[in-house]
Protein backbone atom coordinates (compact mmCIF):
# COMPACT_ATOMS: atom_id res chain seq x y z
CA MET A 1 84.69 76.80 97.48
CA LYS A 2 86.41 73.39 96.41
CA SER A 3 85.35 71.39 93.62
CA VAL A 4 84.81 67.00 93.33
CA VAL A 5 84.91 64.81 90.55
CA ILE A 6 82.91 61.75 90.76
CA CYS A 7 83.71 58.20 90.13
CA GLY A 8 81.88 55.24 89.45
CA SER A 9 80.56 52.89 87.03
CA SER A 10 78.08 53.30 84.12
CA ARG A 11 76.18 51.29 85.99
CA PHE A 12 75.51 53.74 88.98
CA ALA A 13 75.17 56.87 86.16
CA SER A 14 71.49 58.19 87.59
CA GLU A 15 73.07 58.20 90.77
CA MET A 16 76.12 60.13 89.81
CA ARG A 17 74.05 62.47 87.78
CA GLU A 18 71.86 62.96 91.27
CA PHE A 19 74.80 63.44 93.49
CA ALA A 20 76.44 65.97 91.80
CA ALA A 21 73.15 67.89 90.49
CA LYS A 22 72.56 68.33 94.48
CA LEU A 23 76.35 69.38 95.05
CA LYS A 24 75.74 71.68 92.10
CA GLU A 25 72.73 72.90 93.90
CA LEU A 26 74.79 73.84 97.01
CA GLY A 27 77.61 75.68 95.26
CA VAL A 28 79.86 73.58 94.29
CA VAL A 29 82.04 72.57 91.41
CA VAL A 30 81.46 69.13 90.04
CA TYR A 31 83.29 67.60 87.49
CA GLU A 32 81.50 64.42 86.27
CA PRO A 33 82.47 61.66 83.90
CA HIS A 34 81.21 61.03 80.80
CA LEU A 35 79.46 58.17 80.81
CA TYR A 36 80.03 57.03 76.90
CA ARG A 37 76.85 54.36 76.95
CA ALA A 38 74.56 55.92 79.83
CA ALA A 39 74.88 58.65 77.24
CA GLY A 40 72.97 56.88 74.43
CA GLY A 41 76.30 55.65 73.34
CA VAL A 42 76.08 51.78 72.11
CA TRP A 43 80.30 50.48 72.58
CA ASN A 44 79.29 47.60 70.59
CA GLU A 45 78.25 49.41 67.69
CA ILE A 46 81.87 50.75 67.35
CA LYS A 47 84.62 49.22 65.69
CA GLU A 48 87.36 47.36 67.23
CA PHE A 49 89.61 49.34 65.68
CA ASP A 50 88.36 52.39 67.47
CA ARG A 51 87.72 51.37 70.77
CA GLN A 52 90.88 51.63 71.88
CA PHE A 53 91.01 55.29 71.25
CA VAL A 54 87.42 55.94 72.68
CA ALA A 55 88.34 54.34 75.41
CA LEU A 56 91.62 56.06 75.76
CA GLY A 57 90.08 59.65 75.32
CA LEU A 58 87.71 58.98 77.84
CA THR A 59 90.51 57.77 79.93
CA HIS A 60 92.23 60.68 79.50
CA ASP A 61 89.18 63.30 79.61
CA HIS A 62 88.59 61.81 83.10
CA PHE A 63 91.86 61.86 84.70
CA TYR A 64 92.14 65.38 83.51
CA LYS A 65 88.92 66.17 85.63
CA MET A 66 90.55 64.66 88.61
CA GLN A 67 93.64 66.42 88.11
CA MET A 68 91.35 69.75 88.07
CA ALA A 69 89.44 68.59 91.32
CA ASP A 70 90.10 69.22 94.90
CA VAL A 71 88.26 66.08 96.04
CA VAL A 72 87.60 62.48 94.11
CA TYR A 73 84.27 60.56 95.36
CA VAL A 74 83.58 57.18 94.69
CA MET A 75 80.23 56.18 93.78
CA ASN A 76 80.38 52.89 94.34
CA LYS A 77 76.84 51.41 95.27
CA ASP A 78 76.55 48.48 96.82
CA GLY A 79 80.27 48.20 97.26
CA TYR A 80 80.98 47.77 93.62
CA ALA A 81 83.55 49.39 91.29
CA GLY A 82 85.01 48.14 88.38
CA VAL A 83 88.31 48.06 86.91
CA SER A 84 88.35 51.88 85.52
CA THR A 85 86.92 53.10 88.74
CA THR A 86 90.09 50.89 90.64
CA MET A 87 91.95 52.58 88.57
CA GLU A 88 90.52 55.78 89.08
CA ILE A 89 91.18 55.79 92.94
CA GLY A 90 94.90 54.73 92.22
CA TYR A 91 95.31 58.13 90.38
CA ALA A 92 93.57 60.14 92.66
CA VAL A 93 95.92 58.66 95.78
CA ALA A 94 99.29 59.17 93.12
CA LEU A 95 97.99 62.63 92.80
CA LYS A 96 97.11 62.86 96.50
CA LYS A 97 93.52 63.92 96.48
CA PRO A 98 91.49 62.73 99.53
CA VAL A 99 89.02 59.68 97.85
CA TYR A 100 85.40 60.06 99.91
CA ALA A 101 83.29 56.68 99.00
CA PHE A 102 80.00 55.91 99.05
CA GLU A 103 79.57 52.59 100.65
CA GLU A 104 82.05 50.99 102.74
CA ALA A 105 81.70 47.59 102.05
CA ASP A 106 84.22 46.11 99.42
CA GLU A 107 85.19 43.22 98.90
CA GLU A 108 88.64 44.52 97.82
CA PRO A 109 90.65 45.65 100.96
CA CYS A 110 93.45 47.65 98.68
CA ARG A 111 90.62 49.64 97.26
CA LYS A 112 88.74 50.32 101.02
CA VAL A 113 91.65 51.29 102.31
CA LEU A 114 92.27 53.94 99.90
CA PHE A 115 88.59 55.94 101.24
CA SER A 116 89.21 58.85 103.31
CA GLN A 117 85.71 58.37 104.47
CA ILE A 118 82.48 57.23 103.73
CA ILE A 119 79.98 59.71 102.92
CA LYS A 120 76.27 59.10 101.69
CA THR A 121 74.64 62.90 101.16
CA PRO A 122 75.91 65.78 99.05
CA GLU A 123 75.36 68.02 102.10
CA GLU A 124 77.76 65.57 104.17
CA LEU A 125 80.54 65.68 101.66
CA LEU A 126 79.60 69.70 101.63
CA GLY A 127 81.34 69.76 105.01
CA PHE A 128 84.31 68.13 104.14
CA LEU A 129 85.03 70.87 101.32
CA LYS A 130 85.09 73.88 103.79
């Protein structure tokens, strides 16, 4: 069975967790982002000097997960992908990983053209993993 790394904004934390849980039920290996704020961390309570190290650790952790996964899935609900997600899409393409996304709608054409396929459900994604 292949593996998936999920990318997306922390504003979609519940949607990403739900999608990941369904994939896991289907037997897929899933690498999820550590969503600092969604996990209860308060970004504004971190000293300014320390934020760069937290951000660096989170970024490298997710990049490592992307290297291990076979495919990348972007939860871009309502066509939204922020700066970090855009960077992750670029990294996935550089790694030659297929990039699947939840929504086709995207204001940024350079991001949109990098999606291999639009996939709405874990079951549909499973079909591309076999």
